Amino acid sequence: MSRIVVAGSLNADLTIYCERLPSPGETVHGNDFAVNPGGKSANQAVAAARLGGQVTLLGAVGADPNGDMLVASTAGAGVDVSHVARVSRPTGVAVISVDTAGENSIIISAGANATLAPEHMDPALFAGASVVSLCLEVSLDTVQAAAQAGHDAGATVLLNLSPFAPVAQELARLTDVLLVNAHEGSQFLGGYDMPAADAPANAWHGALEEFVRHGLNKVLLTLGADGSVVLDATNSAAPVVRIAPTVVQAVDTTGAGDAFTGAVAARLAAGDSLVDAARYASVAAALAATKKGTQAAYPSSGEVAARL
């Protein structure tokens, strides 16, 4: 498997488990509390490494216990953390509520992640990479610099457009595969009315045309319990492919999207097609949702193979 570079965020997840998520202005009782390693980029790096990927993580944490926890967790999964800087700002945090159905609400505070800057995206760190995985929990300038370095290195640039923010046309041009949920995809397209989540493949051709018009030829849309859909304008034989969901009893969906992204990166680095990578990632993300927490819940390649 070729090398994967993940550039972005590391957060300490402060998670409260409760019967239901509170409404605005409401206080509810929690049942349990945990502090776990998280952050979208750290999660994606760990997910890819646990699935056999050779992963380098670029990021920043504080010189504090949360930073120690994050470095230990990612390194323990086999991720190269030699380019995770220690800075004077506190480690980033995410405050998370999870209900009994496994649904969550999340607020993040960037902390040390805000110090990751374009000048840290040294092109030498991307040399030989086959996949560069990015999200939007660090500055857009930094994300674009990483995308440019990955593009120049000949890597496949995988952009997870989460948490959503409008992106410059230049970043879209540098993106080889855009990974979004339906809501994020609609926002990216300026409010385009996406087909229903359970719509058949032929209903998605209009969405594919819109993404192409915005400079994206390959898009992977996740649809929650309805699986996902691969939109690929470069595949004339099958430009739209529906991926069936993997059905499990969800316990905690926190980080399941990152497990999906990390699995896609791992399989693209292994040479899979985007459709095959999406099918594999569907299983990995579903298995991640069957346990509490994020990184500790991510499956191994053996566990995914057994379910497949």
C-alpha atoms as a PDB file:
ATOM      1  CA  MET A   1       0.000   0.000   0.000  1.00  0.00           C
ATOM      2  CA  SER A   2       1.321   3.455  -0.947  1.00  0.00           C
ATOM      3  CA  ARG A   3       1.780   6.304   1.515  1.00  0.00           C
ATOM      4  CA  ILE A   4      -1.106   8.478   2.746  1.00  0.00           C
ATOM      5  CA  VAL A   5      -0.620  12.026   4.065  1.00  0.00           C
ATOM      6  CA  VAL A   6      -3.340  13.430   6.325  1.00  0.00           C
ATOM      7  CA  ALA A   7      -3.052  17.152   7.124  1.00  0.00           C
ATOM      8  CA  GLY A   8      -5.313  18.871   9.634  1.00  0.00           C
ATOM      9  CA  SER A   9      -6.878  18.619  13.070  1.00  0.00           C
ATOM     10  CA  LEU A  10      -6.368  16.762  16.327  1.00  0.00           C
ATOM     11  CA  ASN A  11      -8.943  17.283  19.114  1.00  0.00           C
ATOM     12  CA  ALA A  12      -9.726  15.907  22.528  1.00  0.00           C
ATOM     13  CA  ASP A  13     -13.340  14.683  22.445  1.00  0.00           C
ATOM     14  CA  LEU A  14     -15.278  15.554  25.603  1.00  0.00           C
ATOM     15  CA  THR A  15     -18.334  13.316  25.261  1.00  0.00           C
ATOM     16  CA  ILE A  16     -21.496  13.143  27.345  1.00  0.00           C
ATOM     17  CA  TYR A  17     -23.939  10.278  26.712  1.00  0.00           C
ATOM     18  CA  CYS A  18     -27.613  11.079  27.364  1.00  0.00           C
ATOM     19  CA  GLU A  19     -31.118   9.769  26.714  1.00  0.00           C
ATOM     20  CA  ARG A  20     -31.810  12.501  24.152  1.00  0.00           C
ATOM     21  CA  LEU A  21     -30.090  15.600  22.807  1.00  0.00           C
ATOM     22  CA  PRO A  22     -31.205  18.859  24.476  1.00  0.00           C
ATOM     23  CA  SER A  23     -33.331  21.413  22.645  1.00  0.00           C
ATOM     24  CA  PRO A  24     -32.111  25.054  22.601  1.00  0.00           C
ATOM     25  CA  GLY A  25     -32.184  26.452  26.141  1.00  0.00           C
ATOM     26  CA  GLU A  26     -32.828  23.029  27.684  1.00  0.00           C
ATOM     27  CA  THR A  27     -30.710  21.083  30.195  1.00  0.00           C
ATOM     28  CA  VAL A  28     -30.812  17.274  30.229  1.00  0.00           C
ATOM     29  CA  HIS A  29     -29.153  14.703  32.471  1.00  0.00           C
ATOM     30  CA  GLY A  30     -26.185  12.783  31.127  1.00  0.00           C
ATOM     31  CA  ASN A  31     -25.566   9.079  31.788  1.00  0.00           C
ATOM     32  CA  ASP A  32     -21.837   8.853  31.192  1.00  0.00           C
ATOM     33  CA  PHE A  33     -18.814  11.014  30.328  1.00  0.00           C
ATOM     34  CA  ALA A  34     -15.574  10.237  28.518  1.00  0.00           C
ATOM     35  CA  VAL A  35     -12.493  12.048  27.232  1.00  0.00           C
ATOM     36  CA  ASN A  36     -11.235  10.405  24.049  1.00  0.00           C
ATOM     37  CA  PRO A  37      -8.782  11.195  21.244  1.00  0.00           C
ATOM     38  CA  GLY A  38     -10.453  12.739  18.205  1.00  0.00           C
ATOM     39  CA  GLY A  39     -10.288  15.479  15.588  1.00  0.00           C
ATOM     40  CA  LYS A  40     -11.316  14.721  12.021  1.00  0.00           C
ATOM     41  CA  SER A  41      -7.808  14.434  10.619  1.00  0.00           C
ATOM     42  CA  ALA A  42      -6.445  12.373  13.516  1.00  0.00           C
ATOM     43  CA  ASN A  43      -9.484  10.109  13.249  1.00  0.00           C
ATOM     44  CA  GLN A  44      -9.031   9.669   9.508  1.00  0.00           C
ATOM     45  CA  ALA A  45      -5.331   8.914   9.970  1.00  0.00           C
ATOM     46  CA  VAL A  46      -6.035   6.277  12.636  1.00  0.00           C
ATOM     47  CA  ALA A  47      -8.838   4.723  10.592  1.00  0.00           C
ATOM     48  CA  ALA A  48      -6.590   4.421   7.533  1.00  0.00           C
ATOM     49  CA  ALA A  49      -3.676   3.031   9.563  1.00  0.00           C
ATOM     50  CA  ARG A  50      -5.828   0.405  11.294  1.00  0.00           C
ATOM     51  CA  LEU A  51      -6.909  -0.714   7.824  1.00  0.00           C
ATOM     52  CA  GLY A  52      -3.316  -1.205   6.704  1.00  0.00           C
ATOM     53  CA  GLY A  53      -2.421   2.265   5.450  1.00  0.00           C
ATOM     54  CA  GLN A  54       1.054   3.767   5.717  1.00  0.00           C
ATOM     55  CA  VAL A  55       0.027   7.146   7.137  1.00  0.00           C
ATOM     56  CA  THR A  56       1.818  10.404   7.963  1.00  0.00           C
ATOM     57  CA  LEU A  57      -0.123  12.987  10.008  1.00  0.00           C
ATOM     58  CA  LEU A  58       0.607  16.730   9.828  1.00  0.00           C
ATOM     59  CA  GLY A  59      -0.929  18.785  12.634  1.00  0.00           C
ATOM     60  CA  ALA A  60      -0.451  20.557  15.961  1.00  0.00           C
ATOM     61  CA  VAL A  61      -1.341  19.927  19.606  1.00  0.00           C
ATOM     62  CA  GLY A  62      -0.678  21.759  22.833  1.00  0.00           C
ATOM     63  CA  ALA A  63       2.001  20.892  25.384  1.00  0.00           C
ATOM     64  CA  ASP A  64      -0.687  19.494  27.682  1.00  0.00           C
ATOM     65  CA  PRO A  65      -2.214  16.148  28.733  1.00  0.00           C
ATOM     66  CA  ASN A  66      -4.730  16.214  25.878  1.00  0.00           C
ATOM     67  CA  GLY A  67      -1.875  16.631  23.437  1.00  0.00           C
ATOM     68  CA  ASP A  68      -0.069  13.690  25.064  1.00  0.00           C
ATOM     69  CA  MET A  69      -3.207  11.559  24.695  1.00  0.00           C
ATOM     70  CA  LEU A  70      -3.641  12.407  21.019  1.00  0.00           C
ATOM     71  CA  VAL A  71      -0.028  11.768  20.060  1.00  0.00           C
ATOM     72  CA  ALA A  72      -0.051   8.464  21.937  1.00  0.00           C
ATOM     73  CA  SER A  73      -3.318   7.338  20.352  1.00  0.00           C
ATOM     74  CA  THR A  74      -2.339   8.117  16.768  1.00  0.00           C
ATOM     75  CA  ALA A  75       1.169   6.727  17.165  1.00  0.00           C
ATOM     76  CA  GLY A  76      -0.282   3.614  18.804  1.00  0.00           C
ATOM     77  CA  ALA A  77      -2.342   2.975  15.668  1.00  0.00           C
ATOM     78  CA  GLY A  78       0.837   3.037  13.573  1.00  0.00           C
ATOM     79  CA  VAL A  79       0.592   6.609  12.301  1.00  0.00           C
ATOM     80  CA  ASP A  80       3.805   8.593  11.741  1.00  0.00           C
ATOM     81  CA  VAL A  81       3.383  11.551  14.136  1.00  0.00           C
ATOM     82  CA  SER A  82       6.853  13.036  13.733  1.00  0.00           C
ATOM     83  CA  HIS A  83       5.280  16.074  12.015  1.00  0.00           C
ATOM     84  CA  VAL A  84       2.686  16.790  14.709  1.00  0.00           C
ATOM     85  CA  ALA A  85       3.994  19.995  16.322  1.00  0.00           C
ATOM     86  CA  ARG A  86       3.769  20.901  20.016  1.00  0.00           C
ATOM     87  CA  VAL A  87       2.712  24.536  20.439  1.00  0.00           C
ATOM     88  CA  SER A  88       1.913  26.939  23.266  1.00  0.00           C
ATOM     89  CA  ARG A  89      -1.839  27.051  22.598  1.00  0.00           C
ATOM     90  CA  PRO A  90      -4.064  24.421  24.275  1.00  0.00           C
ATOM     91  CA  THR A  91      -4.952  21.299  22.317  1.00  0.00           C
ATOM     92  CA  GLY A  92      -8.188  21.625  20.326  1.00  0.00           C
ATOM     93  CA  VAL A  93     -11.338  20.195  21.876  1.00  0.00           C
ATOM     94  CA  ALA A  94     -14.727  18.952  20.727  1.00  0.00           C
ATOM     95  CA  VAL A  95     -17.695  18.969  23.096  1.00  0.00           C
ATOM     96  CA  ILE A  96     -20.025  16.143  22.058  1.00  0.00           C
ATOM     97  CA  SER A  97     -23.469  14.946  23.138  1.00  0.00           C
ATOM     98  CA  VAL A  98     -24.597  11.454  22.108  1.00  0.00           C
ATOM     99  CA  ASP A  99     -28.142  10.117  22.558  1.00  0.00           C
ATOM    100  CA  THR A 100     -29.337   6.529  22.956  1.00  0.00           C
ATOM    101  CA  ALA A 101     -29.889   6.199  19.191  1.00  0.00           C
ATOM    102  CA  GLY A 102     -26.225   7.022  18.594  1.00  0.00           C
ATOM    103  CA  GLU A 103     -26.941  10.462  17.112  1.00  0.00           C
ATOM    104  CA  ASN A 104     -24.717  13.353  18.174  1.00  0.00           C
ATOM    105  CA  SER A 105     -24.232  17.103  18.295  1.00  0.00           C
ATOM    106  CA  ILE A 106     -20.727  18.582  18.288  1.00  0.00           C
ATOM    107  CA  ILE A 107     -19.074  21.943  19.025  1.00  0.00           C
ATOM    108  CA  ILE A 108     -15.355  22.319  18.316  1.00  0.00           C
ATOM    109  CA  SER A 109     -12.764  24.808  19.534  1.00  0.00           C
ATOM    110  CA  ALA A 110      -9.673  24.926  17.304  1.00  0.00           C
ATOM    111  CA  GLY A 111      -7.000  25.626  19.911  1.00  0.00           C
ATOM    112  CA  ALA A 112      -3.619  24.431  18.618  1.00  0.00           C
ATOM    113  CA  ASN A 113      -5.168  23.464  15.274  1.00  0.00           C
ATOM    114  CA  ALA A 114      -5.367  27.179  14.422  1.00  0.00           C
ATOM    115  CA  THR A 115      -1.562  27.369  14.392  1.00  0.00           C
ATOM    116  CA  LEU A 116      -1.248  24.928  11.471  1.00  0.00           C
ATOM    117  CA  ALA A 117      -0.340  27.228   8.578  1.00  0.00           C
ATOM    118  CA  PRO A 118       0.434  27.012   4.840  1.00  0.00           C
ATOM    119  CA  GLU A 119       4.177  27.273   5.505  1.00  0.00           C
ATOM    120  CA  HIS A 120       3.992  23.974   7.395  1.00  0.00           C
ATOM    121  CA  MET A 121       2.880  22.177   4.218  1.00  0.00           C
ATOM    122  CA  ASP A 122       6.447  21.438   3.084  1.00  0.00           C
ATOM    123  CA  PRO A 123       6.311  19.829  -0.381  1.00  0.00           C
ATOM    124  CA  ALA A 124       9.009  17.371   0.719  1.00  0.00           C
ATOM    125  CA  LEU A 125       6.554  15.842   3.198  1.00  0.00           C
ATOM    126  CA  PHE A 126       4.205  14.953   0.340  1.00  0.00           C
ATOM    127  CA  ALA A 127       6.817  13.353  -1.923  1.00  0.00           C
ATOM    128  CA  GLY A 128       5.869   9.779  -2.756  1.00  0.00           C
ATOM    129  CA  ALA A 129       2.350  10.059  -1.350  1.00  0.00           C
ATOM    130  CA  SER A 130      -0.424   8.418  -3.338  1.00  0.00           C
ATOM    131  CA  VAL A 131      -3.324   9.949  -1.367  1.00  0.00           C
ATOM    132  CA  VAL A 132      -3.626  13.240   0.541  1.00  0.00           C
ATOM    133  CA  SER A 133      -6.639  13.388   2.872  1.00  0.00           C
ATOM    134  CA  LEU A 134      -7.968  16.779   3.982  1.00  0.00           C
ATOM    135  CA  CYS A 135     -10.894  18.257   5.921  1.00  0.00           C
ATOM    136  CA  LEU A 136     -11.914  21.772   6.983  1.00  0.00           C
ATOM    137  CA  GLU A 137     -11.094  21.821  10.719  1.00  0.00           C
ATOM    138  CA  VAL A 138      -8.013  23.953   9.976  1.00  0.00           C
ATOM    139  CA  SER A 139      -7.727  27.160   7.955  1.00  0.00           C
ATOM    140  CA  LEU A 140      -8.746  27.090   4.297  1.00  0.00           C
ATOM    141  CA  ASP A 141      -5.379  28.572   3.331  1.00  0.00           C
ATOM    142  CA  THR A 142      -3.663  25.623   4.992  1.00  0.00           C
ATOM    143  CA  VAL A 143      -5.990  23.132   3.322  1.00  0.00           C
ATOM    144  CA  GLN A 144      -5.323  24.685  -0.077  1.00  0.00           C
ATOM    145  CA  ALA A 145      -1.556  24.637   0.498  1.00  0.00           C
ATOM    146  CA  ALA A 146      -1.748  20.943   1.389  1.00  0.00           C
ATOM    147  CA  ALA A 147      -3.919  20.248  -1.663  1.00  0.00           C
ATOM    148  CA  GLN A 148      -1.412  22.056  -3.881  1.00  0.00           C
ATOM    149  CA  ALA A 149       1.487  20.086  -2.412  1.00  0.00           C
ATOM    150  CA  GLY A 150      -0.402  16.837  -2.884  1.00  0.00           C
ATOM    151  CA  HIS A 151      -1.364  17.736  -6.446  1.00  0.00           C
ATOM    152  CA  ASP A 152       2.225  18.665  -7.292  1.00  0.00           C
ATOM    153  CA  ALA A 153       3.396  15.335  -5.841  1.00  0.00           C
ATOM    154  CA  GLY A 154       0.997  13.450  -8.127  1.00  0.00           C
ATOM    155  CA  ALA A 155      -1.189  12.225  -5.249  1.00  0.00           C
ATOM    156  CA  THR A 156      -4.960  11.788  -5.284  1.00  0.00           C
ATOM    157  CA  VAL A 157      -6.326  14.716  -3.256  1.00  0.00           C
ATOM    158  CA  LEU A 158      -9.311  13.577  -1.167  1.00  0.00           C
ATOM    159  CA  LEU A 159     -11.226  16.507   0.356  1.00  0.00           C
ATOM    160  CA  ASN A 160     -13.834  15.860   3.050  1.00  0.00           C
ATOM    161  CA  LEU A 161     -15.868  19.086   2.967  1.00  0.00           C
ATOM    162  CA  SER A 162     -16.581  19.030   6.703  1.00  0.00           C
ATOM    163  CA  PRO A 163     -17.346  21.064   8.712  1.00  0.00           C
ATOM    164  CA  PHE A 164     -18.811  22.854   5.701  1.00  0.00           C
ATOM    165  CA  ALA A 165     -17.346  26.128   4.469  1.00  0.00           C
ATOM    166  CA  PRO A 166     -17.428  27.736   1.028  1.00  0.00           C
ATOM    167  CA  VAL A 167     -14.208  26.877  -0.795  1.00  0.00           C
ATOM    168  CA  ALA A 168     -12.343  28.737  -3.492  1.00  0.00           C
ATOM    169  CA  GLN A 169     -12.525  27.496  -7.069  1.00  0.00           C
ATOM    170  CA  GLU A 170      -8.785  26.845  -6.918  1.00  0.00           C
ATOM    171  CA  LEU A 171      -9.236  24.321  -4.088  1.00  0.00           C
ATOM    172  CA  ALA A 172     -11.992  22.599  -6.051  1.00  0.00           C
ATOM    173  CA  ARG A 173      -9.641  22.419  -9.045  1.00  0.00           C
ATOM    174  CA  LEU A 174      -6.985  20.713  -6.906  1.00  0.00           C
ATOM    175  CA  THR A 175      -9.469  18.161  -5.509  1.00  0.00           C
ATOM    176  CA  ASP A 176      -9.550  14.766  -7.204  1.00  0.00           C
ATOM    177  CA  VAL A 177     -12.289  13.259  -5.007  1.00  0.00           C
ATOM    178  CA  LEU A 178     -14.790  15.331  -3.033  1.00  0.00           C
ATOM    179  CA  LEU A 179     -16.388  13.517  -0.087  1.00  0.00           C
ATOM    180  CA  VAL A 180     -19.558  15.118   1.305  1.00  0.00           C
ATOM    181  CA  ASN A 181     -22.896  14.233   2.822  1.00  0.00           C
ATOM    182  CA  ALA A 182     -26.006  15.285   0.932  1.00  0.00           C
ATOM    183  CA  HIS A 183     -26.467  18.482   2.940  1.00  0.00           C
ATOM    184  CA  GLU A 184     -22.844  19.566   2.418  1.00  0.00           C
ATOM    185  CA  GLY A 185     -23.114  18.697  -1.265  1.00  0.00           C
ATOM    186  CA  SER A 186     -26.200  20.869  -1.614  1.00  0.00           C
ATOM    187  CA  GLN A 187     -24.427  23.760   0.139  1.00  0.00           C
ATOM    188  CA  PHE A 188     -21.397  23.389  -2.133  1.00  0.00           C
ATOM    189  CA  LEU A 189     -23.677  23.609  -5.175  1.00  0.00           C
ATOM    190  CA  GLY A 190     -25.351  26.777  -3.896  1.00  0.00           C
ATOM    191  CA  GLY A 191     -28.503  25.165  -2.529  1.00  0.00           C
ATOM    192  CA  TYR A 192     -29.044  22.578  -5.275  1.00  0.00           C
ATOM    193  CA  ASP A 193     -31.988  20.306  -4.453  1.00  0.00           C
ATOM    194  CA  MET A 194     -30.451  16.843  -4.036  1.00  0.00           C
ATOM    195  CA  PRO A 195     -32.493  13.723  -4.852  1.00  0.00           C
ATOM    196  CA  ALA A 196     -34.078  11.874  -1.950  1.00  0.00           C
ATOM    197  CA  ALA A 197     -31.597   9.699  -0.058  1.00  0.00           C
ATOM    198  CA  ASP A 198     -33.321   6.522  -1.288  1.00  0.00           C
ATOM    199  CA  ALA A 199     -33.571   7.689  -4.916  1.00  0.00           C
ATOM    200  CA  PRO A 200     -32.289   5.267  -7.594  1.00  0.00           C
ATOM    201  CA  ALA A 201     -29.020   5.827  -9.401  1.00  0.00           C
ATOM    202  CA  ASN A 202     -30.580   7.469 -12.463  1.00  0.00           C
ATOM    203  CA  ALA A 203     -31.940  10.304 -10.280  1.00  0.00           C
ATOM    204  CA  TRP A 204     -28.394  11.481  -9.525  1.00  0.00           C
ATOM    205  CA  HIS A 205     -27.238  12.390 -13.039  1.00  0.00           C
ATOM    206  CA  GLY A 206     -28.354  15.997 -12.627  1.00  0.00           C
ATOM    207  CA  ALA A 207     -26.314  16.328  -9.427  1.00  0.00           C
ATOM    208  CA  LEU A 208     -23.268  14.902 -11.225  1.00  0.00           C
ATOM    209  CA  GLU A 209     -23.649  17.504 -13.974  1.00  0.00           C
ATOM    210  CA  GLU A 210     -23.791  20.254 -11.344  1.00  0.00           C
ATOM    211  CA  PHE A 211     -20.615  19.054  -9.652  1.00  0.00           C
ATOM    212  CA  VAL A 212     -18.830  18.886 -13.002  1.00  0.00           C
ATOM    213  CA  ARG A 213     -19.940  22.448 -13.675  1.00  0.00           C
ATOM    214  CA  HIS A 214     -18.284  23.408 -10.387  1.00  0.00           C
ATOM    215  CA  GLY A 215     -15.026  21.704 -11.368  1.00  0.00           C
ATOM    216  CA  LEU A 216     -15.481  18.294  -9.653  1.00  0.00           C
ATOM    217  CA  ASN A 217     -15.461  15.098 -11.731  1.00  0.00           C
ATOM    218  CA  LYS A 218     -15.458  12.605  -8.847  1.00  0.00           C
ATOM    219  CA  VAL A 219     -17.762  12.973  -5.840  1.00  0.00           C
ATOM    220  CA  LEU A 220     -18.646  10.521  -3.097  1.00  0.00           C
ATOM    221  CA  LEU A 221     -21.869  11.433  -1.274  1.00  0.00           C
ATOM    222  CA  THR A 222     -22.727   9.711   1.997  1.00  0.00           C
ATOM    223  CA  LEU A 223     -26.426   9.222   2.698  1.00  0.00           C
ATOM    224  CA  GLY A 224     -26.495   7.954   6.282  1.00  0.00           C
ATOM    225  CA  ALA A 225     -28.704   4.894   6.684  1.00  0.00           C
ATOM    226  CA  ASP A 226     -29.268   4.851   2.898  1.00  0.00           C
ATOM    227  CA  GLY A 227     -25.625   4.157   2.069  1.00  0.00           C
ATOM    228  CA  SER A 228     -23.771   6.361  -0.387  1.00  0.00           C
ATOM    229  CA  VAL A 229     -23.550   7.242  -4.063  1.00  0.00           C
ATOM    230  CA  VAL A 230     -20.474   7.535  -6.280  1.00  0.00           C
ATOM    231  CA  LEU A 231     -20.630  10.214  -8.977  1.00  0.00           C
ATOM    232  CA  ASP A 232     -17.810   9.820 -11.500  1.00  0.00           C
ATOM    233  CA  ALA A 233     -17.883  11.780 -14.741  1.00  0.00           C
ATOM    234  CA  THR A 234     -14.715   9.997 -15.903  1.00  0.00           C
ATOM    235  CA  ASN A 235     -16.502   6.616 -15.918  1.00  0.00           C
ATOM    236  CA  SER A 236     -18.681   6.663 -19.022  1.00  0.00           C
ATOM    237  CA  ALA A 237     -19.873   3.088 -18.423  1.00  0.00           C
ATOM    238  CA  ALA A 238     -21.159   3.756 -14.891  1.00  0.00           C
ATOM    239  CA  PRO A 239     -21.076   7.461 -13.979  1.00  0.00           C
ATOM    240  CA  VAL A 240     -23.466   6.917 -11.040  1.00  0.00           C
ATOM    241  CA  VAL A 241     -23.272   3.941  -8.668  1.00  0.00           C
ATOM    242  CA  ARG A 242     -25.378   3.457  -5.537  1.00  0.00           C
ATOM    243  CA  ILE A 243     -23.577   1.829  -2.593  1.00  0.00           C
ATOM    244  CA  ALA A 244     -25.842  -0.164  -0.293  1.00  0.00           C
ATOM    245  CA  PRO A 245     -25.687   0.582   3.432  1.00  0.00           C
ATOM    246  CA  THR A 246     -24.164  -1.821   5.927  1.00  0.00           C
ATOM    247  CA  VAL A 247     -26.849  -2.422   8.545  1.00  0.00           C
ATOM    248  CA  VAL A 248     -25.753  -2.464  12.204  1.00  0.00           C
ATOM    249  CA  GLN A 249     -27.141  -1.519  15.608  1.00  0.00           C
ATOM    250  CA  ALA A 250     -25.589   1.930  16.124  1.00  0.00           C
ATOM    251  CA  VAL A 251     -24.272   2.808  19.569  1.00  0.00           C
ATOM    252  CA  ASP A 252     -22.320   6.000  18.783  1.00  0.00           C
ATOM    253  CA  THR A 253     -22.047   7.561  15.321  1.00  0.00           C
ATOM    254  CA  THR A 254     -19.384  10.069  16.431  1.00  0.00           C
ATOM    255  CA  GLY A 255     -16.437   9.745  14.063  1.00  0.00           C
ATOM    256  CA  ALA A 256     -18.138   7.228  11.764  1.00  0.00           C
ATOM    257  CA  GLY A 257     -17.798   9.686   8.884  1.00  0.00           C
ATOM    258  CA  ASP A 258     -14.076   9.935   9.591  1.00  0.00           C
ATOM    259  CA  ALA A 259     -13.834   6.137   9.599  1.00  0.00           C
ATOM    260  CA  PHE A 260     -15.483   6.223   6.169  1.00  0.00           C
ATOM    261  CA  THR A 261     -13.028   8.845   4.876  1.00  0.00           C
ATOM    262  CA  GLY A 262      -9.995   7.033   6.288  1.00  0.00           C
ATOM    263  CA  ALA A 263     -11.161   3.772   4.745  1.00  0.00           C
ATOM    264  CA  VAL A 264     -11.617   5.423   1.342  1.00  0.00           C
ATOM    265  CA  ALA A 265      -8.088   6.851   1.582  1.00  0.00           C
ATOM    266  CA  ALA A 266      -6.674   3.470   2.550  1.00  0.00           C
ATOM    267  CA  ARG A 267      -8.314   1.625  -0.320  1.00  0.00           C
ATOM    268  CA  LEU A 268      -7.481   4.294  -2.915  1.00  0.00           C
ATOM    269  CA  ALA A 269      -3.851   4.045  -1.742  1.00  0.00           C
ATOM    270  CA  ALA A 270      -4.105   0.282  -2.223  1.00  0.00           C
ATOM    271  CA  GLY A 271      -5.200   0.812  -5.831  1.00  0.00           C
ATOM    272  CA  ASP A 272      -8.953   0.214  -5.534  1.00  0.00           C
ATOM    273  CA  SER A 273     -11.455   2.006  -7.735  1.00  0.00           C
ATOM    274  CA  LEU A 274     -13.573   4.693  -6.084  1.00  0.00           C
ATOM    275  CA  VAL A 275     -16.611   2.380  -6.163  1.00  0.00           C
ATOM    276  CA  ASP A 276     -14.735  -0.471  -4.470  1.00  0.00           C
ATOM    277  CA  ALA A 277     -13.258   1.940  -1.922  1.00  0.00           C
ATOM    278  CA  ALA A 278     -16.747   3.245  -1.121  1.00  0.00           C
ATOM    279  CA  ARG A 279     -18.117  -0.279  -0.627  1.00  0.00           C
ATOM    280  CA  TYR A 280     -15.272  -1.111   1.746  1.00  0.00           C
ATOM    281  CA  ALA A 281     -15.680   2.190   3.601  1.00  0.00           C
ATOM    282  CA  SER A 282     -19.398   1.525   4.105  1.00  0.00           C
ATOM    283  CA  VAL A 283     -18.519  -1.529   6.187  1.00  0.00           C
ATOM    284  CA  ALA A 284     -15.710   0.199   8.103  1.00  0.00           C
ATOM    285  CA  ALA A 285     -17.913   3.151   9.073  1.00  0.00           C
ATOM    286  CA  ALA A 286     -20.810   0.934  10.104  1.00  0.00           C
ATOM    287  CA  LEU A 287     -18.596  -1.182  12.355  1.00  0.00           C
ATOM    288  CA  ALA A 288     -17.174   1.994  13.925  1.00  0.00           C
ATOM    289  CA  ALA A 289     -20.699   3.040  14.933  1.00  0.00           C
ATOM    290  CA  THR A 290     -21.241  -0.149  16.937  1.00  0.00           C
ATOM    291  CA  LYS A 291     -18.913   0.988  19.753  1.00  0.00           C
ATOM    292  CA  LYS A 292     -18.584   4.092  21.909  1.00  0.00           C
ATOM    293  CA  GLY A 293     -15.936   6.690  21.098  1.00  0.00           C
ATOM    294  CA  THR A 294     -14.067   7.372  17.906  1.00  0.00           C
ATOM    295  CA  GLN A 295     -10.554   6.035  17.357  1.00  0.00           C
ATOM    296  CA  ALA A 296     -10.915   3.158  19.817  1.00  0.00           C
ATOM    297  CA  ALA A 297     -14.017   2.050  17.898  1.00  0.00           C
ATOM    298  CA  TYR A 298     -12.360   1.860  14.489  1.00  0.00           C
ATOM    299  CA  PRO A 299     -12.158  -1.628  12.995  1.00  0.00           C
ATOM    300  CA  SER A 300      -9.100  -3.478  11.777  1.00  0.00           C
ATOM    301  CA  SER A 301      -8.772  -4.712   8.215  1.00  0.00           C
ATOM    302  CA  GLY A 302      -9.531  -8.215   9.482  1.00  0.00           C
ATOM    303  CA  GLU A 303     -12.806  -7.106  11.053  1.00  0.00           C
ATOM    304  CA  VAL A 304     -13.885  -5.383   7.844  1.00  0.00           C
ATOM    305  CA  ALA A 305     -12.873  -8.407   5.751  1.00  0.00           C
ATOM    306  CA  ALA A 306     -14.915 -10.677   7.998  1.00  0.00           C
ATOM    307  CA  ARG A 307     -18.023  -8.515   7.553  1.00  0.00           C
ATOM    308  CA  LEU A 308     -17.469  -8.248   3.807  1.00  0.00           C
END
